[in-house]
Structures are given as C-alpha cells and as structure tokens.
PDB file of N, CA and C in Angstrom:
ATOM      1  N   MET A   1       0.926 -27.617  73.518  1.00  0.00           N
ATOM      2  CA  MET A   1      -0.066 -28.067  72.549  1.00  0.00           C
ATOM      3  C   MET A   1      -0.625 -26.853  71.827  1.00  0.00           C
ATOM      4  N   ASN A   2      -0.939 -27.065  70.599  1.00  0.00           N
ATOM      5  CA  ASN A   2      -1.480 -25.969  69.818  1.00  0.00           C
ATOM      6  C   ASN A   2      -2.997 -25.913  69.862  1.00  0.00           C
ATOM      7  N   GLY A   3      -3.632 -26.797  70.612  1.00  0.00           N
ATOM      8  CA  GLY A   3      -5.067 -26.749  70.773  1.00  0.00           C
ATOM      9  C   GLY A   3      -5.855 -27.384  69.646  1.00  0.00           C
ATOM     10  N   ILE A   4      -5.183 -27.882  68.642  1.00  0.00           N
ATOM     11  CA  ILE A   4      -5.863 -28.511  67.520  1.00  0.00           C
ATOM     12  C   ILE A   4      -5.816 -30.014  67.718  1.00  0.00           C
ATOM     13  N   THR A   5      -6.978 -30.623  67.754  1.00  0.00           N
ATOM     14  CA  THR A   5      -7.033 -32.069  67.873  1.00  0.00           C
ATOM     15  C   THR A   5      -7.693 -32.643  66.635  1.00  0.00           C
ATOM     16  N   LYS A   6      -7.276 -33.833  66.304  1.00  0.00           N
ATOM     17  CA  LYS A   6      -7.823 -34.530  65.144  1.00  0.00           C
ATOM     18  C   LYS A   6      -8.238 -35.929  65.565  1.00  0.00           C
ATOM     19  N   SER A   7      -9.253 -36.432  64.919  1.00  0.00           N
ATOM     20  CA  SER A   7      -9.601 -37.832  65.113  1.00  0.00           C
ATOM     21  C   SER A   7      -8.661 -38.665  64.243  1.00  0.00           C
ATOM     22  N   LEU A   8      -8.622 -39.959  64.482  1.00  0.00           N
ATOM     23  CA  LEU A   8      -7.796 -40.828  63.634  1.00  0.00           C
ATOM     24  C   LEU A   8      -8.213 -40.713  62.181  1.00  0.00           C
ATOM     25  N   ASP A   9      -9.498 -40.576  61.978  1.00  0.00           N
ATOM     26  CA  ASP A   9     -10.032 -40.463  60.622  1.00  0.00           C
ATOM     27  C   ASP A   9      -9.513 -39.220  59.904  1.00  0.00           C
ATOM     28  N   GLU A  10      -9.269 -38.150  60.656  1.00  0.00           N
ATOM     29  CA  GLU A  10      -8.794 -36.892  60.087  1.00  0.00           C
ATOM     30  C   GLU A  10      -7.278 -36.859  59.898  1.00  0.00           C
ATOM     31  N   MET A  11      -6.569 -37.766  60.557  1.00  0.00           N
ATOM     32  CA  MET A  11      -5.109 -37.791  60.467  1.00  0.00           C
ATOM     33  C   MET A  11      -4.657 -38.464  59.174  1.00  0.00           C
ATOM     34  N   ASN A  12      -3.483 -38.048  58.717  1.00  0.00           N
ATOM     35  CA  ASN A  12      -2.902 -38.765  57.586  1.00  0.00           C
ATOM     36  C   ASN A  12      -2.162 -39.994  58.115  1.00  0.00           C
ATOM     37  N   LEU A  13      -1.686 -40.815  57.222  1.00  0.00           N
ATOM     38  CA  LEU A  13      -1.045 -42.076  57.606  1.00  0.00           C
ATOM     39  C   LEU A  13       0.143 -41.860  58.541  1.00  0.00           C
ATOM     40  N   GLN A  14       0.955 -40.854  58.279  1.00  0.00           N
ATOM     41  CA  GLN A  14       2.130 -40.588  59.121  1.00  0.00           C
ATOM     42  C   GLN A  14       1.726 -40.137  60.518  1.00  0.00           C
ATOM     43  N   GLU A  15       0.715 -39.291  60.607  1.00  0.00           N
ATOM     44  CA  GLU A  15       0.252 -38.835  61.912  1.00  0.00           C
ATOM     45  C   GLU A  15      -0.292 -39.999  62.743  1.00  0.00           C
ATOM     46  N   ARG A  16      -1.024 -40.878  62.088  1.00  0.00           N
ATOM     47  CA  ARG A  16      -1.550 -42.054  62.790  1.00  0.00           C
ATOM     48  C   ARG A  16      -0.410 -42.931  63.301  1.00  0.00           C
ATOM     49  N   ALA A  17       0.553 -43.182  62.428  1.00  0.00           N
ATOM     50  CA  ALA A  17       1.688 -44.026  62.804  1.00  0.00           C
ATOM     51  C   ALA A  17       2.479 -43.393  63.944  1.00  0.00           C
ATOM     52  N   ASP A  18       2.659 -42.074  63.905  1.00  0.00           N
ATOM     53  CA  ASP A  18       3.393 -41.380  64.966  1.00  0.00           C
ATOM     54  C   ASP A  18       2.666 -41.473  66.309  1.00  0.00           C
ATOM     55  N   LEU A  19       1.351 -41.299  66.280  1.00  0.00           N
ATOM     56  CA  LEU A  19       0.569 -41.402  67.507  1.00  0.00           C
ATOM     57  C   LEU A  19       0.656 -42.802  68.092  1.00  0.00           C
ATOM     58  N   MET A  20       0.502 -43.790  67.246  1.00  0.00           N
ATOM     59  CA  MET A  20       0.548 -45.173  67.718  1.00  0.00           C
ATOM     60  C   MET A  20       1.936 -45.531  68.241  1.00  0.00           C
ATOM     61  N   ALA A  21       2.962 -45.037  67.588  1.00  0.00           N
ATOM     62  CA  ALA A  21       4.330 -45.288  68.048  1.00  0.00           C
ATOM     63  C   ALA A  21       4.577 -44.623  69.400  1.00  0.00           C
ATOM     64  N   ALA A  22       4.045 -43.422  69.587  1.00  0.00           N
ATOM     65  CA  ALA A  22       4.226 -42.718  70.861  1.00  0.00           C
ATOM     66  C   ALA A  22       3.556 -43.482  72.003  1.00  0.00           C
ATOM     67  N   VAL A  23       2.347 -43.957  71.775  1.00  0.00           N
ATOM     68  CA  VAL A  23       1.651 -44.726  72.810  1.00  0.00           C
ATOM     69  C   VAL A  23       2.387 -46.042  73.061  1.00  0.00           C
ATOM     70  N   ALA A  24       2.868 -46.677  72.000  1.00  0.00           N
ATOM     71  CA  ALA A  24       3.621 -47.926  72.148  1.00  0.00           C
ATOM     72  C   ALA A  24       4.903 -47.702  72.949  1.00  0.00           C
ATOM     73  N   ASP A  25       5.564 -46.574  72.729  1.00  0.00           N
ATOM     74  CA  ASP A  25       6.781 -46.261  73.492  1.00  0.00           C
ATOM     75  C   ASP A  25       6.479 -46.112  74.984  1.00  0.00           C
ATOM     76  N   VAL A  26       5.363 -45.456  75.303  1.00  0.00           N
ATOM     77  CA  VAL A  26       4.988 -45.301  76.711  1.00  0.00           C
ATOM     78  C   VAL A  26       4.615 -46.657  77.307  1.00  0.00           C
ATOM     79  N   LEU A  27       3.946 -47.482  76.526  1.00  0.00           N
ATOM     80  CA  LEU A  27       3.613 -48.827  76.996  1.00  0.00           C
ATOM     81  C   LEU A  27       4.878 -49.640  77.256  1.00  0.00           C
ATOM     82  N   GLN A  28       5.877 -49.486  76.415  1.00  0.00           N
ATOM     83  CA  GLN A  28       7.158 -50.166  76.607  1.00  0.00           C
ATOM     84  C   GLN A  28       7.803 -49.719  77.920  1.00  0.00           C
ATOM     85  N   ALA A  29       7.790 -48.419  78.163  1.00  0.00           N
ATOM     86  CA  ALA A  29       8.353 -47.895  79.410  1.00  0.00           C
ATOM     87  C   ALA A  29       7.540 -48.374  80.614  1.00  0.00           C
ATOM     88  N   THR A  30       6.225 -48.452  80.459  1.00  0.00           N
ATOM     89  CA  THR A  30       5.359 -48.946  81.521  1.00  0.00           C
ATOM     90  C   THR A  30       5.672 -50.405  81.835  1.00  0.00           C
ATOM     91  N   ALA A  31       5.930 -51.184  80.789  1.00  0.00           N
ATOM     92  CA  ALA A  31       6.287 -52.588  80.985  1.00  0.00           C
ATOM     93  C   ALA A  31       7.580 -52.715  81.769  1.00  0.00           C
ATOM     94  N   GLU A  32       8.549 -51.888  81.442  1.00  0.00           N
ATOM     95  CA  GLU A  32       9.821 -51.928  82.160  1.00  0.00           C
ATOM     96  C   GLU A  32       9.629 -51.552  83.629  1.00  0.00           C
ATOM     97  N   GLU A  33       8.796 -50.551  83.875  1.00  0.00           N
ATOM     98  CA  GLU A  33       8.524 -50.132  85.244  1.00  0.00           C
ATOM     99  C   GLU A  33       7.791 -51.233  86.018  1.00  0.00           C
ATOM    100  N   ALA A  34       6.827 -51.860  85.366  1.00  0.00           N
ATOM    101  CA  ALA A  34       6.082 -52.943  86.009  1.00  0.00           C
ATOM    102  C   ALA A  34       7.003 -54.110  86.331  1.00  0.00           C
ATOM    103  N   GLU A  35       7.909 -54.402  85.414  1.00  0.00           N
ATOM    104  CA  GLU A  35       8.849 -55.493  85.647  1.00  0.00           C
ATOM    105  C   GLU A  35       9.760 -55.183  86.837  1.00  0.00           C
ATOM    106  N   GLU A  36      10.212 -53.939  86.920  1.00  0.00           N
ATOM    107  CA  GLU A  36      11.039 -53.531  88.057  1.00  0.00           C
ATOM    108  C   GLU A  36      10.284 -53.684  89.370  1.00  0.00           C
ATOM    109  N   ASP A  37       8.967 -53.461  89.315  1.00  0.00           N
ATOM    110  CA  ASP A  37       8.122 -53.593  90.506  1.00  0.00           C
ATOM    111  C   ASP A  37       7.746 -55.039  90.793  1.00  0.00           C
ATOM    112  N   GLY A  38       8.152 -55.951  89.920  1.00  0.00           N
ATOM    113  CA  GLY A  38       7.824 -57.356  90.110  1.00  0.00           C
ATOM    114  C   GLY A  38       6.446 -57.749  89.617  1.00  0.00           C
ATOM    115  N   ASP A  39       5.801 -56.882  88.857  1.00  0.00           N
ATOM    116  CA  ASP A  39       4.460 -57.155  88.337  1.00  0.00           C
ATOM    117  C   ASP A  39       4.581 -57.725  86.919  1.00  0.00           C
ATOM    118  N   VAL A  40       4.796 -59.017  86.854  1.00  0.00           N
ATOM    119  CA  VAL A  40       5.043 -59.689  85.571  1.00  0.00           C
ATOM    120  C   VAL A  40       3.818 -59.619  84.664  1.00  0.00           C
ATOM    121  N   LEU A  41       2.637 -59.762  85.236  1.00  0.00           N
ATOM    122  CA  LEU A  41       1.417 -59.721  84.429  1.00  0.00           C
ATOM    123  C   LEU A  41       1.219 -58.351  83.783  1.00  0.00           C
ATOM    124  N   ALA A  42       1.410 -57.292  84.541  1.00  0.00           N
ATOM    125  CA  ALA A  42       1.268 -55.948  83.975  1.00  0.00           C
ATOM    126  C   ALA A  42       2.336 -55.705  82.901  1.00  0.00           C
ATOM    127  N   ALA A  43       3.546 -56.171  83.142  1.00  0.00           N
ATOM    128  CA  ALA A  43       4.616 -56.008  82.157  1.00  0.00           C
ATOM    129  C   ALA A  43       4.272 -56.744  80.865  1.00  0.00           C
ATOM    130  N   THR A  44       3.777 -57.957  80.996  1.00  0.00           N
ATOM    131  CA  THR A  44       3.405 -58.754  79.825  1.00  0.00           C
ATOM    132  C   THR A  44       2.264 -58.099  79.055  1.00  0.00           C
ATOM    133  N   ASN A  45       1.246 -57.663  79.773  1.00  0.00           N
ATOM    134  CA  ASN A  45       0.114 -57.016  79.106  1.00  0.00           C
ATOM    135  C   ASN A  45       0.527 -55.729  78.409  1.00  0.00           C
ATOM    136  N   SER A  46       1.376 -54.959  79.036  1.00  0.00           N
ATOM    137  CA  SER A  46       1.839 -53.711  78.441  1.00  0.00           C
ATOM    138  C   SER A  46       2.655 -53.974  77.175  1.00  0.00           C
ATOM    139  N   LEU A  47       3.535 -54.970  77.235  1.00  0.00           N
ATOM    140  CA  LEU A  47       4.325 -55.329  76.049  1.00  0.00           C
ATOM    141  C   LEU A  47       3.436 -55.849  74.927  1.00  0.00           C
ATOM    142  N   PHE A  48       2.422 -56.610  75.280  1.00  0.00           N
ATOM    143  CA  PHE A  48       1.480 -57.134  74.296  1.00  0.00           C
ATOM    144  C   PHE A  48       0.767 -55.989  73.568  1.00  0.00           C
ATOM    145  N   LEU A  49       0.264 -55.028  74.330  1.00  0.00           N
ATOM    146  CA  LEU A  49      -0.409 -53.883  73.725  1.00  0.00           C
ATOM    147  C   LEU A  49       0.553 -53.068  72.855  1.00  0.00           C
ATOM    148  N   ALA A  50       1.769 -52.867  73.336  1.00  0.00           N
ATOM    149  CA  ALA A  50       2.764 -52.108  72.567  1.00  0.00           C
ATOM    150  C   ALA A  50       3.067 -52.810  71.244  1.00  0.00           C
ATOM    151  N   GLY A  51       3.243 -54.115  71.291  1.00  0.00           N
ATOM    152  CA  GLY A  51       3.526 -54.869  70.073  1.00  0.00           C
ATOM    153  C   GLY A  51       2.383 -54.823  69.081  1.00  0.00           C
ATOM    154  N   ASN A  52       1.162 -54.908  69.585  1.00  0.00           N
ATOM    155  CA  ASN A  52       0.005 -54.827  68.700  1.00  0.00           C
ATOM    156  C   ASN A  52      -0.115 -53.449  68.057  1.00  0.00           C
ATOM    157  N   LEU A  53       0.140 -52.409  68.827  1.00  0.00           N
ATOM    158  CA  LEU A  53       0.093 -51.064  68.261  1.00  0.00           C
ATOM    159  C   LEU A  53       1.158 -50.884  67.182  1.00  0.00           C
ATOM    160  N   ARG A  54       2.359 -51.356  67.470  1.00  0.00           N
ATOM    161  CA  ARG A  54       3.430 -51.224  66.477  1.00  0.00           C
ATOM    162  C   ARG A  54       3.111 -52.015  65.211  1.00  0.00           C
ATOM    163  N   GLY A  55       2.575 -53.214  65.370  1.00  0.00           N
ATOM    164  CA  GLY A  55       2.216 -54.026  64.214  1.00  0.00           C
ATOM    165  C   GLY A  55       1.106 -53.415  63.397  1.00  0.00           C
ATOM    166  N   CYS A  56       0.149 -52.846  64.065  1.00  0.00           N
ATOM    167  CA  CYS A  56      -0.998 -52.242  63.387  1.00  0.00           C
ATOM    168  C   CYS A  56      -0.607 -50.945  62.681  1.00  0.00           C
ATOM    169  N   SER A  57       0.321 -50.204  63.254  1.00  0.00           N
ATOM    170  CA  SER A  57       0.664 -48.891  62.703  1.00  0.00           C
ATOM    171  C   SER A  57       1.464 -48.971  61.411  1.00  0.00           C
ATOM    172  N   SER A  58       2.083 -50.098  61.133  1.00  0.00           N
ATOM    173  CA  SER A  58       2.931 -50.191  59.944  1.00  0.00           C
ATOM    174  C   SER A  58       2.138 -50.210  58.646  1.00  0.00           C
ATOM    175  N   ASP A  59       0.892 -50.627  58.700  1.00  0.00           N
ATOM    176  CA  ASP A  59       0.082 -50.683  57.484  1.00  0.00           C
ATOM    177  C   ASP A  59      -1.355 -50.308  57.828  1.00  0.00           C
ATOM    178  N   LEU A  60      -1.536 -49.073  58.241  1.00  0.00           N
ATOM    179  CA  LEU A  60      -2.816 -48.622  58.747  1.00  0.00           C
ATOM    180  C   LEU A  60      -3.575 -47.849  57.678  1.00  0.00           C
ATOM    181  N   GLY A  61      -4.575 -48.481  57.149  1.00  0.00           N
ATOM    182  CA  GLY A  61      -5.422 -47.833  56.155  1.00  0.00           C
ATOM    183  C   GLY A  61      -6.761 -47.454  56.745  1.00  0.00           C
ATOM    184  N   PRO A  62      -7.601 -46.821  55.968  1.00  0.00           N
ATOM    185  CA  PRO A  62      -8.912 -46.375  56.458  1.00  0.00           C
ATOM    186  C   PRO A  62      -9.781 -47.515  56.981  1.00  0.00           C
ATOM    187  N   HIS A  63      -9.636 -48.703  56.428  1.00  0.00           N
ATOM    188  CA  HIS A  63     -10.451 -49.837  56.863  1.00  0.00           C
ATOM    189  C   HIS A  63     -10.007 -50.397  58.219  1.00  0.00           C
ATOM    190  N   ASP A  64      -8.829 -49.990  58.695  1.00  0.00           N
ATOM    191  CA  ASP A  64      -8.287 -50.468  59.969  1.00  0.00           C
ATOM    192  C   ASP A  64      -8.455 -49.468  61.108  1.00  0.00           C
ATOM    193  N   LEU A  65      -9.147 -48.373  60.860  1.00  0.00           N
ATOM    194  CA  LEU A  65      -9.212 -47.308  61.858  1.00  0.00           C
ATOM    195  C   LEU A  65      -9.916 -47.720  63.146  1.00  0.00           C
ATOM    196  N   LYS A  66     -10.963 -48.496  63.059  1.00  0.00           N
ATOM    197  CA  LYS A  66     -11.685 -48.899  64.264  1.00  0.00           C
ATOM    198  C   LYS A  66     -10.791 -49.773  65.147  1.00  0.00           C
ATOM    199  N   ALA A  67     -10.073 -50.701  64.536  1.00  0.00           N
ATOM    200  CA  ALA A  67      -9.154 -51.546  65.310  1.00  0.00           C
ATOM    201  C   ALA A  67      -8.054 -50.696  65.946  1.00  0.00           C
ATOM    202  N   ALA A  68      -7.515 -49.755  65.194  1.00  0.00           N
ATOM    203  CA  ALA A  68      -6.474 -48.875  65.727  1.00  0.00           C
ATOM    204  C   ALA A  68      -7.009 -48.026  66.872  1.00  0.00           C
ATOM    205  N   GLU A  69      -8.213 -47.533  66.706  1.00  0.00           N
ATOM    206  CA  GLU A  69      -8.830 -46.722  67.752  1.00  0.00           C
ATOM    207  C   GLU A  69      -9.002 -47.538  69.040  1.00  0.00           C
ATOM    208  N   LEU A  70      -9.457 -48.765  68.910  1.00  0.00           N
ATOM    209  CA  LEU A  70      -9.631 -49.624  70.085  1.00  0.00           C
ATOM    210  C   LEU A  70      -8.295 -49.930  70.760  1.00  0.00           C
ATOM    211  N   LEU A  71      -7.275 -50.220  69.967  1.00  0.00           N
ATOM    212  CA  LEU A  71      -5.951 -50.486  70.544  1.00  0.00           C
ATOM    213  C   LEU A  71      -5.406 -49.260  71.267  1.00  0.00           C
ATOM    214  N   LEU A  72      -5.582 -48.097  70.658  1.00  0.00           N
ATOM    215  CA  LEU A  72      -5.122 -46.870  71.310  1.00  0.00           C
ATOM    216  C   LEU A  72      -5.867 -46.633  72.622  1.00  0.00           C
ATOM    217  N   GLU A  73      -7.176 -46.818  72.601  1.00  0.00           N
ATOM    218  CA  GLU A  73      -7.959 -46.646  73.824  1.00  0.00           C
ATOM    219  C   GLU A  73      -7.502 -47.612  74.906  1.00  0.00           C
ATOM    220  N   GLN A  74      -7.288 -48.859  74.538  1.00  0.00           N
ATOM    221  CA  GLN A  74      -6.846 -49.852  75.519  1.00  0.00           C
ATOM    222  C   GLN A  74      -5.465 -49.515  76.058  1.00  0.00           C
ATOM    223  N   GLY A  75      -4.570 -49.109  75.165  1.00  0.00           N
ATOM    224  CA  GLY A  75      -3.216 -48.765  75.595  1.00  0.00           C
ATOM    225  C   GLY A  75      -3.196 -47.574  76.533  1.00  0.00           C
ATOM    226  N   ILE A  76      -3.916 -46.530  76.177  1.00  0.00           N
ATOM    227  CA  ILE A  76      -3.950 -45.321  77.003  1.00  0.00           C
ATOM    228  C   ILE A  76      -4.635 -45.610  78.343  1.00  0.00           C
ATOM    229  N   THR A  77      -5.707 -46.383  78.311  1.00  0.00           N
ATOM    230  CA  THR A  77      -6.397 -46.753  79.550  1.00  0.00           C
ATOM    231  C   THR A  77      -5.484 -47.583  80.447  1.00  0.00           C
ATOM    232  N   PHE A  78      -4.749 -48.525  79.851  1.00  0.00           N
ATOM    233  CA  PHE A  78      -3.828 -49.351  80.633  1.00  0.00           C
ATOM    234  C   PHE A  78      -2.780 -48.479  81.318  1.00  0.00           C
ATOM    235  N   ILE A  79      -2.193 -47.554  80.577  1.00  0.00           N
ATOM    236  CA  ILE A  79      -1.178 -46.659  81.139  1.00  0.00           C
ATOM    237  C   ILE A  79      -1.772 -45.852  82.292  1.00  0.00           C
ATOM    238  N   HIS A  80      -2.947 -45.312  82.072  1.00  0.00           N
ATOM    239  CA  HIS A  80      -3.617 -44.504  83.100  1.00  0.00           C
ATOM    240  C   HIS A  80      -3.878 -45.333  84.363  1.00  0.00           C
ATOM    241  N   LEU A  81      -4.422 -46.518  84.190  1.00  0.00           N
ATOM    242  CA  LEU A  81      -4.735 -47.366  85.340  1.00  0.00           C
ATOM    243  C   LEU A  81      -3.473 -47.824  86.062  1.00  0.00           C
ATOM    244  N   PHE A  82      -2.440 -48.161  85.297  1.00  0.00           N
ATOM    245  CA  PHE A  82      -1.180 -48.584  85.913  1.00  0.00           C
ATOM    246  C   PHE A  82      -0.599 -47.443  86.740  1.00  0.00           C
ATOM    247  N   ASN A  83      -0.569 -46.252  86.182  1.00  0.00           N
ATOM    248  CA  ASN A  83      -0.027 -45.103  86.910  1.00  0.00           C
ATOM    249  C   ASN A  83      -0.881 -44.767  88.133  1.00  0.00           C
ATOM    250  N   GLY A  84      -2.182 -44.892  88.014  1.00  0.00           N
ATOM    251  CA  GLY A  84      -3.067 -44.643  89.148  1.00  0.00           C
ATOM    252  C   GLY A  84      -2.870 -45.664  90.251  1.00  0.00           C
ATOM    253  N   ARG A  85      -2.661 -46.893  89.856  1.00  0.00           N
ATOM    254  CA  ARG A  85      -2.438 -47.955  90.839  1.00  0.00           C
ATOM    255  C   ARG A  85      -1.119 -47.737  91.567  1.00  0.00           C
ATOM    256  N   LYS A  86      -0.100 -47.313  90.844  1.00  0.00           N
ATOM    257  CA  LYS A  86       1.198 -47.055  91.479  1.00  0.00           C
ATOM    258  C   LYS A  86       1.079 -45.924  92.484  1.00  0.00           C
ATOM    259  N   LYS A  87       0.318 -44.889  92.138  1.00  0.00           N
ATOM    260  CA  LYS A  87       0.159 -43.752  93.061  1.00  0.00           C
ATOM    261  C   LYS A  87      -0.596 -44.177  94.314  1.00  0.00           C
ATOM    262  N   SER A  88      -1.579 -45.055  94.157  1.00  0.00           N
ATOM    263  CA  SER A  88      -2.365 -45.459  95.322  1.00  0.00           C
ATOM    264  C   SER A  88      -1.579 -46.391  96.243  1.00  0.00           C
ATOM    265  N   HIS A  89      -0.496 -46.994  95.738  1.00  0.00           N
ATOM    266  CA  HIS A  89       0.332 -47.890  96.556  1.00  0.00           C
ATOM    267  C   HIS A  89       1.538 -47.178  97.164  1.00  0.00           C
ATOM    268  N   THR A  90       1.673 -45.890  96.901  1.00  0.00           N
ATOM    269  CA  THR A  90       2.797 -45.134  97.441  1.00  0.00           C
ATOM    270  C   THR A  90       2.564 -44.908  98.937  1.00  0.00           C
ATOM    271  N   PRO A  91       3.529 -45.320  99.749  1.00  0.00           N
ATOM    272  CA  PRO A  91       3.353 -45.139 101.200  1.00  0.00           C
ATOM    273  C   PRO A  91       3.323 -43.669 101.583  1.00  0.00           C
ATOM    274  N   VAL A  92       2.481 -43.353 102.552  1.00  0.00           N
ATOM    275  CA  VAL A  92       2.391 -41.996 103.065  1.00  0.00           C
ATOM    276  C   VAL A  92       3.192 -41.922 104.358  1.00  0.00           C
ATOM    277  N   HIS A  93       4.046 -40.936 104.464  1.00  0.00           N
ATOM    278  CA  HIS A  93       4.904 -40.807 105.655  1.00  0.00           C
ATOM    279  C   HIS A  93       4.347 -39.778 106.603  1.00  0.00           C
TER     280      HIS A  93
END
C-alpha cells in the first residue's frame, strides 16, 4: 500500500467501481466457501451483497455515495464476521 487513502467522495468513478468490484469478488469467494461448508444462509447473504455491489457500481454517481458506502460497509463487515466465525470453529489439536 502506498499509504494514501481516499473516501468514496474523493474517488473518481473508476476508482469507486474498482473498489466495489473487489469487495464483490471477495463476497463471491466467501459465498463459495460458505456453500462448501454447508452454510446456505451465509452463501445466500454473501451472494446478495455481491450482486447489490455490482449493480450499484455500474452507475455510481455522487448522489448514490451514501448507499454505496453502506453496501461496502455491510459487505466488508460480513466478510470479516464470516472469517472470524470460521476461525473460531477451527478445532484445536
């Protein structure tokens, strides 16, 4: 990382779309992992968030920033919680 961070408001349209696509890609991978674990609800929720991010990123203007910010927060929080839950269920030998 170069140490420079920007808010969504400071990003241009391409940067916003790239960020949202990256989070959506991780959500897609999380859904696949959840499905492999038999967690259908987590897989469905992850796919839902990924689809919403992808849909929102295709036409993201300044008036949509709050919605995009909320979706990003929810997506990142979901990924974090899912990964934390998986770690807490790992058997200790």
